[in-house]
Amino acid sequence: MEFFVFGSTLGPKAISKALSELSGYAPIPSIPSIGFHYCKWEYNSADMLIERSDNFTAFGFPVDVLWSDIEYAENK
């Protein structure tokens, strides 16, 4: 078991940098994974999703990912 104690008079930023250098830096998540997802569990078509996307844009509501999962679910 390893045990590390960090302390610094330079502040929390210096401690965080030292910890990251010791354990490794966290990877940056992909952009779609941190964006807003819209999912609707219903039967729909590509035209319906395009219309929803246009409506979101028209009303100023940012959506990064649109998806519909029921068509691909086994035995629905």
PDB file of N, CA and C in Angstrom:
ATOM      1  N   MET A   1       0.848  -1.165   0.000  1.00  0.00           N
ATOM      2  CA  MET A   1       0.000   0.000   0.000  1.00  0.00           C
ATOM      3  C   MET A   1       0.896   1.231   0.000  1.00  0.00           C
ATOM      4  N   GLU A   2       0.601   2.133  -0.922  1.00  0.00           N
ATOM      5  CA  GLU A   2       1.352   3.381  -0.989  1.00  0.00           C
ATOM      6  C   GLU A   2       0.498   4.502  -0.434  1.00  0.00           C
ATOM      7  N   PHE A   3       1.158   5.436   0.192  1.00  0.00           N
ATOM      8  CA  PHE A   3       0.456   6.547   0.813  1.00  0.00           C
ATOM      9  C   PHE A   3       1.236   7.811   0.514  1.00  0.00           C
ATOM     10  N   PHE A   4       0.575   8.799  -0.060  1.00  0.00           N
ATOM     11  CA  PHE A   4       1.221  10.055  -0.406  1.00  0.00           C
ATOM     12  C   PHE A   4       0.519  11.199   0.320  1.00  0.00           C
ATOM     13  N   VAL A   5       1.302  12.128   0.802  1.00  0.00           N
ATOM     14  CA  VAL A   5       0.764  13.327   1.438  1.00  0.00           C
ATOM     15  C   VAL A   5       1.260  14.513   0.627  1.00  0.00           C
ATOM     16  N   PHE A   6       0.344  15.359   0.224  1.00  0.00           N
ATOM     17  CA  PHE A   6       0.707  16.533  -0.565  1.00  0.00           C
ATOM     18  C   PHE A   6       0.455  17.787   0.259  1.00  0.00           C
ATOM     19  N   GLY A   7       1.349  18.684   0.161  1.00  0.00           N
ATOM     20  CA  GLY A   7       1.196  19.971   0.822  1.00  0.00           C
ATOM     21  C   GLY A   7       1.987  21.006   0.045  1.00  0.00           C
ATOM     22  N   SER A   8       1.501  22.209   0.034  1.00  0.00           N
ATOM     23  CA  SER A   8       2.183  23.254  -0.712  1.00  0.00           C
ATOM     24  C   SER A   8       1.757  24.621  -0.191  1.00  0.00           C
ATOM     25  N   THR A   9       2.691  25.522  -0.198  1.00  0.00           N
ATOM     26  CA  THR A   9       2.360  26.904   0.143  1.00  0.00           C
ATOM     27  C   THR A   9       1.940  27.667  -1.106  1.00  0.00           C
ATOM     28  N   LEU A  10       2.004  26.989  -2.273  1.00  0.00           N
ATOM     29  CA  LEU A  10       1.650  27.635  -3.537  1.00  0.00           C
ATOM     30  C   LEU A  10       0.160  27.544  -3.857  1.00  0.00           C
ATOM     31  N   GLY A  11      -0.573  26.751  -3.096  1.00  0.00           N
ATOM     32  CA  GLY A  11      -2.017  26.670  -3.301  1.00  0.00           C
ATOM     33  C   GLY A  11      -2.470  25.361  -3.909  1.00  0.00           C
ATOM     34  N   PRO A  12      -3.789  25.208  -4.058  1.00  0.00           N
ATOM     35  CA  PRO A  12      -4.373  23.957  -4.551  1.00  0.00           C
ATOM     36  C   PRO A  12      -3.970  23.611  -5.989  1.00  0.00           C
ATOM     37  N   LYS A  13      -3.718  24.613  -6.815  1.00  0.00           N
ATOM     38  CA  LYS A  13      -3.337  24.361  -8.199  1.00  0.00           C
ATOM     39  C   LYS A  13      -2.017  23.585  -8.257  1.00  0.00           C
ATOM     40  N   ALA A  14      -1.067  23.945  -7.426  1.00  0.00           N
ATOM     41  CA  ALA A  14       0.228  23.258  -7.391  1.00  0.00           C
ATOM     42  C   ALA A  14       0.068  21.826  -6.886  1.00  0.00           C
ATOM     43  N   ILE A  15      -0.826  21.610  -5.909  1.00  0.00           N
ATOM     44  CA  ILE A  15      -1.069  20.273  -5.386  1.00  0.00           C
ATOM     45  C   ILE A  15      -1.727  19.404  -6.457  1.00  0.00           C
ATOM     46  N   SER A  16      -2.690  19.951  -7.159  1.00  0.00           N
ATOM     47  CA  SER A  16      -3.363  19.213  -8.217  1.00  0.00           C
ATOM     48  C   SER A  16      -2.390  18.830  -9.331  1.00  0.00           C
ATOM     49  N   LYS A  17      -1.490  19.743  -9.680  1.00  0.00           N
ATOM     50  CA  LYS A  17      -0.484  19.457 -10.715  1.00  0.00           C
ATOM     51  C   LYS A  17       0.451  18.349 -10.264  1.00  0.00           C
ATOM     52  N   ALA A  18       0.885  18.385  -9.007  1.00  0.00           N
ATOM     53  CA  ALA A  18       1.778  17.349  -8.489  1.00  0.00           C
ATOM     54  C   ALA A  18       1.081  15.986  -8.474  1.00  0.00           C
ATOM     55  N   LEU A  19      -0.181  15.945  -8.083  1.00  0.00           N
ATOM     56  CA  LEU A  19      -0.932  14.694  -8.077  1.00  0.00           C
ATOM     57  C   LEU A  19      -1.096  14.150  -9.493  1.00  0.00           C
ATOM     58  N   SER A  20      -1.393  15.027 -10.447  1.00  0.00           N
ATOM     59  CA  SER A  20      -1.548  14.604 -11.837  1.00  0.00           C
ATOM     60  C   SER A  20      -0.238  14.069 -12.411  1.00  0.00           C
ATOM     61  N   GLU A  21       0.862  14.679 -12.047  1.00  0.00           N
ATOM     62  CA  GLU A  21       2.154  14.191 -12.531  1.00  0.00           C
ATOM     63  C   GLU A  21       2.480  12.819 -11.936  1.00  0.00           C
ATOM     64  N   LEU A  22       2.013  12.570 -10.729  1.00  0.00           N
ATOM     65  CA  LEU A  22       2.267  11.285 -10.075  1.00  0.00           C
ATOM     66  C   LEU A  22       1.354  10.179 -10.608  1.00  0.00           C
ATOM     67  N   SER A  23       0.055  10.471 -10.723  1.00  0.00           N
ATOM     68  CA  SER A  23      -0.908   9.429 -11.074  1.00  0.00           C
ATOM     69  C   SER A  23      -1.337   9.438 -12.534  1.00  0.00           C
ATOM     70  N   GLY A  24      -1.042  10.513 -13.254  1.00  0.00           N
ATOM     71  CA  GLY A  24      -1.452  10.629 -14.652  1.00  0.00           C
ATOM     72  C   GLY A  24      -2.602  11.605 -14.802  1.00  0.00           C
ATOM     73  N   TYR A  25      -2.659  12.222 -15.952  1.00  0.00           N
ATOM     74  CA  TYR A  25      -3.702  13.212 -16.232  1.00  0.00           C
ATOM     75  C   TYR A  25      -4.977  12.515 -16.702  1.00  0.00           C
ATOM     76  N   ALA A  26      -6.118  13.056 -16.316  1.00  0.00           N
ATOM     77  CA  ALA A  26      -7.404  12.498 -16.732  1.00  0.00           C
ATOM     78  C   ALA A  26      -7.632  12.801 -18.209  1.00  0.00           C
ATOM     79  N   PRO A  27      -8.139  11.820 -18.963  1.00  0.00           N
ATOM     80  CA  PRO A  27      -8.412  12.076 -20.387  1.00  0.00           C
ATOM     81  C   PRO A  27      -9.601  13.018 -20.550  1.00  0.00           C
ATOM     82  N   ILE A  28      -9.612  13.754 -21.629  1.00  0.00           N
ATOM     83  CA  ILE A  28     -10.722  14.656 -21.937  1.00  0.00           C
ATOM     84  C   ILE A  28     -11.822  13.832 -22.602  1.00  0.00           C
ATOM     85  N   PRO A  29     -13.062  13.914 -22.114  1.00  0.00           N
ATOM     86  CA  PRO A  29     -14.142  13.134 -22.733  1.00  0.00           C
ATOM     87  C   PRO A  29     -14.463  13.669 -24.129  1.00  0.00           C
ATOM     88  N   SER A  30     -15.039  12.817 -24.953  1.00  0.00           N
ATOM     89  CA  SER A  30     -15.421  13.253 -26.296  1.00  0.00           C
ATOM     90  C   SER A  30     -16.535  14.298 -26.196  1.00  0.00           C
ATOM     91  N   ILE A  31     -16.579  15.196 -27.141  1.00  0.00           N
ATOM     92  CA  ILE A  31     -17.555  16.294 -27.122  1.00  0.00           C
ATOM     93  C   ILE A  31     -19.007  15.784 -27.050  1.00  0.00           C
ATOM     94  N   PRO A  32     -19.420  14.793 -27.864  1.00  0.00           N
ATOM     95  CA  PRO A  32     -20.810  14.348 -27.760  1.00  0.00           C
ATOM     96  C   PRO A  32     -21.184  13.765 -26.399  1.00  0.00           C
ATOM     97  N   SER A  33     -20.221  13.223 -25.679  1.00  0.00           N
ATOM     98  CA  SER A  33     -20.553  12.616 -24.389  1.00  0.00           C
ATOM     99  C   SER A  33     -20.902  13.655 -23.324  1.00  0.00           C
ATOM    100  N   ILE A  34     -20.473  14.888 -23.484  1.00  0.00           N
ATOM    101  CA  ILE A  34     -20.789  15.913 -22.494  1.00  0.00           C
ATOM    102  C   ILE A  34     -21.858  16.889 -22.972  1.00  0.00           C
ATOM    103  N   GLY A  35     -22.352  16.665 -24.198  1.00  0.00           N
ATOM    104  CA  GLY A  35     -23.385  17.533 -24.732  1.00  0.00           C
ATOM    105  C   GLY A  35     -24.775  17.087 -24.312  1.00  0.00           C
ATOM    106  N   PHE A  36     -25.795  17.804 -24.785  1.00  0.00           N
ATOM    107  CA  PHE A  36     -27.182  17.466 -24.468  1.00  0.00           C
ATOM    108  C   PHE A  36     -27.682  16.416 -25.443  1.00  0.00           C
ATOM    109  N   HIS A  37     -28.222  15.331 -24.910  1.00  0.00           N
ATOM    110  CA  HIS A  37     -28.781  14.252 -25.724  1.00  0.00           C
ATOM    111  C   HIS A  37     -30.300  14.325 -25.663  1.00  0.00           C
ATOM    112  N   TYR A  38     -30.922  14.121 -26.798  1.00  0.00           N
ATOM    113  CA  TYR A  38     -32.377  14.033 -26.841  1.00  0.00           C
ATOM    114  C   TYR A  38     -32.731  12.632 -27.318  1.00  0.00           C
ATOM    115  N   CYS A  39     -33.456  11.893 -26.506  1.00  0.00           N
ATOM    116  CA  CYS A  39     -33.875  10.552 -26.865  1.00  0.00           C
ATOM    117  C   CYS A  39     -35.359  10.421 -26.584  1.00  0.00           C
ATOM    118  N   LYS A  40     -36.083   9.918 -27.550  1.00  0.00           N
ATOM    119  CA  LYS A  40     -37.528   9.727 -27.386  1.00  0.00           C
ATOM    120  C   LYS A  40     -37.846   8.282 -27.714  1.00  0.00           C
ATOM    121  N   TRP A  41     -38.471   7.599 -26.793  1.00  0.00           N
ATOM    122  CA  TRP A  41     -38.823   6.200 -26.975  1.00  0.00           C
ATOM    123  C   TRP A  41     -40.157   6.122 -27.689  1.00  0.00           C
ATOM    124  N   GLU A  42     -40.110   6.126 -29.021  1.00  0.00           N
ATOM    125  CA  GLU A  42     -41.317   6.047 -29.823  1.00  0.00           C
ATOM    126  C   GLU A  42     -40.946   5.615 -31.230  1.00  0.00           C
ATOM    127  N   TYR A  43     -41.943   5.233 -31.974  1.00  0.00           N
ATOM    128  CA  TYR A  43     -41.711   4.902 -33.379  1.00  0.00           C
ATOM    129  C   TYR A  43     -41.637   6.207 -34.155  1.00  0.00           C
ATOM    130  N   ASN A  44     -40.579   6.383 -34.892  1.00  0.00           N
ATOM    131  CA  ASN A  44     -40.471   7.594 -35.711  1.00  0.00           C
ATOM    132  C   ASN A  44     -39.585   7.315 -36.917  1.00  0.00           C
ATOM    133  N   SER A  45     -39.436   8.311 -37.740  1.00  0.00           N
ATOM    134  CA  SER A  45     -38.661   8.175 -38.968  1.00  0.00           C
ATOM    135  C   SER A  45     -37.528   9.197 -38.969  1.00  0.00           C
ATOM    136  N   ALA A  46     -36.667   9.090 -39.955  1.00  0.00           N
ATOM    137  CA  ALA A  46     -35.578  10.051 -40.099  1.00  0.00           C
ATOM    138  C   ALA A  46     -36.135  11.456 -40.337  1.00  0.00           C
ATOM    139  N   ASP A  47     -37.218  11.538 -41.109  1.00  0.00           N
ATOM    140  CA  ASP A  47     -37.838  12.849 -41.371  1.00  0.00           C
ATOM    141  C   ASP A  47     -38.340  13.489 -40.078  1.00  0.00           C
ATOM    142  N   MET A  48     -38.876  12.673 -39.178  1.00  0.00           N
ATOM    143  CA  MET A  48     -39.365  13.185 -37.897  1.00  0.00           C
ATOM    144  C   MET A  48     -38.207  13.715 -37.043  1.00  0.00           C
ATOM    145  N   LEU A  49     -37.091  12.986 -37.032  1.00  0.00           N
ATOM    146  CA  LEU A  49     -35.926  13.448 -36.278  1.00  0.00           C
ATOM    147  C   LEU A  49     -35.346  14.735 -36.866  1.00  0.00           C
ATOM    148  N   ILE A  50     -35.339  14.836 -38.188  1.00  0.00           N
ATOM    149  CA  ILE A  50     -34.853  16.064 -38.836  1.00  0.00           C
ATOM    150  C   ILE A  50     -35.757  17.242 -38.478  1.00  0.00           C
ATOM    151  N   GLU A  51     -37.066  17.004 -38.470  1.00  0.00           N
ATOM    152  CA  GLU A  51     -38.009  18.064 -38.094  1.00  0.00           C
ATOM    153  C   GLU A  51     -37.787  18.500 -36.643  1.00  0.00           C
ATOM    154  N   ARG A  52     -37.583  17.533 -35.743  1.00  0.00           N
ATOM    155  CA  ARG A  52     -37.308  17.882 -34.339  1.00  0.00           C
ATOM    156  C   ARG A  52     -36.021  18.687 -34.223  1.00  0.00           C
ATOM    157  N   SER A  53     -35.005  18.282 -34.950  1.00  0.00           N
ATOM    158  CA  SER A  53     -33.734  19.009 -34.915  1.00  0.00           C
ATOM    159  C   SER A  53     -33.930  20.452 -35.383  1.00  0.00           C
ATOM    160  N   ASP A  54     -34.689  20.616 -36.457  1.00  0.00           N
ATOM    161  CA  ASP A  54     -34.977  21.971 -36.960  1.00  0.00           C
ATOM    162  C   ASP A  54     -35.760  22.789 -35.935  1.00  0.00           C
ATOM    163  N   ASN A  55     -36.708  22.147 -35.245  1.00  0.00           N
ATOM    164  CA  ASN A  55     -37.483  22.856 -34.218  1.00  0.00           C
ATOM    165  C   ASN A  55     -36.600  23.280 -33.044  1.00  0.00           C
ATOM    166  N   PHE A  56     -35.709  22.389 -32.609  1.00  0.00           N
ATOM    167  CA  PHE A  56     -34.785  22.760 -31.535  1.00  0.00           C
ATOM    168  C   PHE A  56     -33.963  23.976 -31.940  1.00  0.00           C
ATOM    169  N   THR A  57     -33.474  23.973 -33.169  1.00  0.00           N
ATOM    170  CA  THR A  57     -32.668  25.095 -33.660  1.00  0.00           C
ATOM    171  C   THR A  57     -33.501  26.371 -33.744  1.00  0.00           C
ATOM    172  N   ALA A  58     -34.724  26.263 -34.265  1.00  0.00           N
ATOM    173  CA  ALA A  58     -35.597  27.432 -34.422  1.00  0.00           C
ATOM    174  C   ALA A  58     -35.931  28.089 -33.082  1.00  0.00           C
ATOM    175  N   PHE A  59     -36.088  27.279 -32.038  1.00  0.00           N
ATOM    176  CA  PHE A  59     -36.429  27.819 -30.726  1.00  0.00           C
ATOM    177  C   PHE A  59     -35.204  28.109 -29.868  1.00  0.00           C
ATOM    178  N   GLY A  60     -33.995  27.944 -30.453  1.00  0.00           N
ATOM    179  CA  GLY A  60     -32.767  28.305 -29.746  1.00  0.00           C
ATOM    180  C   GLY A  60     -32.357  27.339 -28.657  1.00  0.00           C
ATOM    181  N   PHE A  61     -32.761  26.091 -28.785  1.00  0.00           N
ATOM    182  CA  PHE A  61     -32.409  25.092 -27.784  1.00  0.00           C
ATOM    183  C   PHE A  61     -31.311  24.188 -28.350  1.00  0.00           C
ATOM    184  N   PRO A  62     -30.094  24.266 -27.818  1.00  0.00           N
ATOM    185  CA  PRO A  62     -29.005  23.490 -28.398  1.00  0.00           C
ATOM    186  C   PRO A  62     -29.090  21.996 -28.055  1.00  0.00           C
ATOM    187  N   VAL A  63     -29.056  21.166 -29.065  1.00  0.00           N
ATOM    188  CA  VAL A  63     -29.048  19.713 -28.896  1.00  0.00           C
ATOM    189  C   VAL A  63     -27.845  19.180 -29.658  1.00  0.00           C
ATOM    190  N   ASP A  64     -27.024  18.383 -28.995  1.00  0.00           N
ATOM    191  CA  ASP A  64     -25.823  17.842 -29.627  1.00  0.00           C
ATOM    192  C   ASP A  64     -26.047  16.477 -30.260  1.00  0.00           C
ATOM    193  N   VAL A  65     -26.914  15.665 -29.665  1.00  0.00           N
ATOM    194  CA  VAL A  65     -27.135  14.307 -30.160  1.00  0.00           C
ATOM    195  C   VAL A  65     -28.622  13.983 -30.124  1.00  0.00           C
ATOM    196  N   LEU A  66     -29.163  13.526 -31.243  1.00  0.00           N
ATOM    197  CA  LEU A  66     -30.538  13.030 -31.321  1.00  0.00           C
ATOM    198  C   LEU A  66     -30.464  11.533 -31.571  1.00  0.00           C
ATOM    199  N   TRP A  67     -31.203  10.756 -30.806  1.00  0.00           N
ATOM    200  CA  TRP A  67     -31.222   9.328 -31.080  1.00  0.00           C
ATOM    201  C   TRP A  67     -32.530   8.717 -30.652  1.00  0.00           C
ATOM    202  N   SER A  68     -32.868   7.657 -31.325  1.00  0.00           N
ATOM    203  CA  SER A  68     -34.110   6.949 -31.057  1.00  0.00           C
ATOM    204  C   SER A  68     -33.764   5.474 -30.962  1.00  0.00           C
ATOM    205  N   ASP A  69     -34.007   4.862 -29.825  1.00  0.00           N
ATOM    206  CA  ASP A  69     -33.514   3.513 -29.618  1.00  0.00           C
ATOM    207  C   ASP A  69     -34.528   2.395 -29.804  1.00  0.00           C
ATOM    208  N   ILE A  70     -35.821   2.684 -29.886  1.00  0.00           N
ATOM    209  CA  ILE A  70     -36.780   1.587 -29.928  1.00  0.00           C
ATOM    210  C   ILE A  70     -36.673   0.755 -31.200  1.00  0.00           C
ATOM    211  N   GLU A  71     -36.358   1.360 -32.306  1.00  0.00           N
ATOM    212  CA  GLU A  71     -36.254   0.609 -33.560  1.00  0.00           C
ATOM    213  C   GLU A  71     -35.126  -0.409 -33.536  1.00  0.00           C
ATOM    214  N   TYR A  72     -34.146  -0.200 -32.692  1.00  0.00           N
ATOM    215  CA  TYR A  72     -32.995  -1.083 -32.654  1.00  0.00           C
ATOM    216  C   TYR A  72     -33.030  -2.038 -31.460  1.00  0.00           C
ATOM    217  N   ALA A  73     -34.013  -1.887 -30.584  1.00  0.00           N
ATOM    218  CA  ALA A  73     -34.111  -2.760 -29.414  1.00  0.00           C
ATOM    219  C   ALA A  73     -34.650  -4.131 -29.845  1.00  0.00           C
ATOM    220  N   GLU A  74     -34.075  -5.171 -29.276  1.00  0.00           N
ATOM    221  CA  GLU A  74     -34.511  -6.513 -29.616  1.00  0.00           C
ATOM    222  C   GLU A  74     -35.892  -6.774 -29.023  1.00  0.00           C
ATOM    223  N   ASN A  75     -36.792  -7.280 -29.798  1.00  0.00           N
ATOM    224  CA  ASN A  75     -38.168  -7.580 -29.411  1.00  0.00           C
ATOM    225  C   ASN A  75     -38.941  -6.357 -28.920  1.00  0.00           C
ATOM    226  N   LYS A  76     -38.397  -5.204 -29.109  1.00  0.00           N
ATOM    227  CA  LYS A  76     -39.035  -3.910 -28.771  1.00  0.00           C
ATOM    228  C   LYS A  76     -39.632  -3.937 -27.392  1.00  0.00           C
TER     229      LYS A  76
END
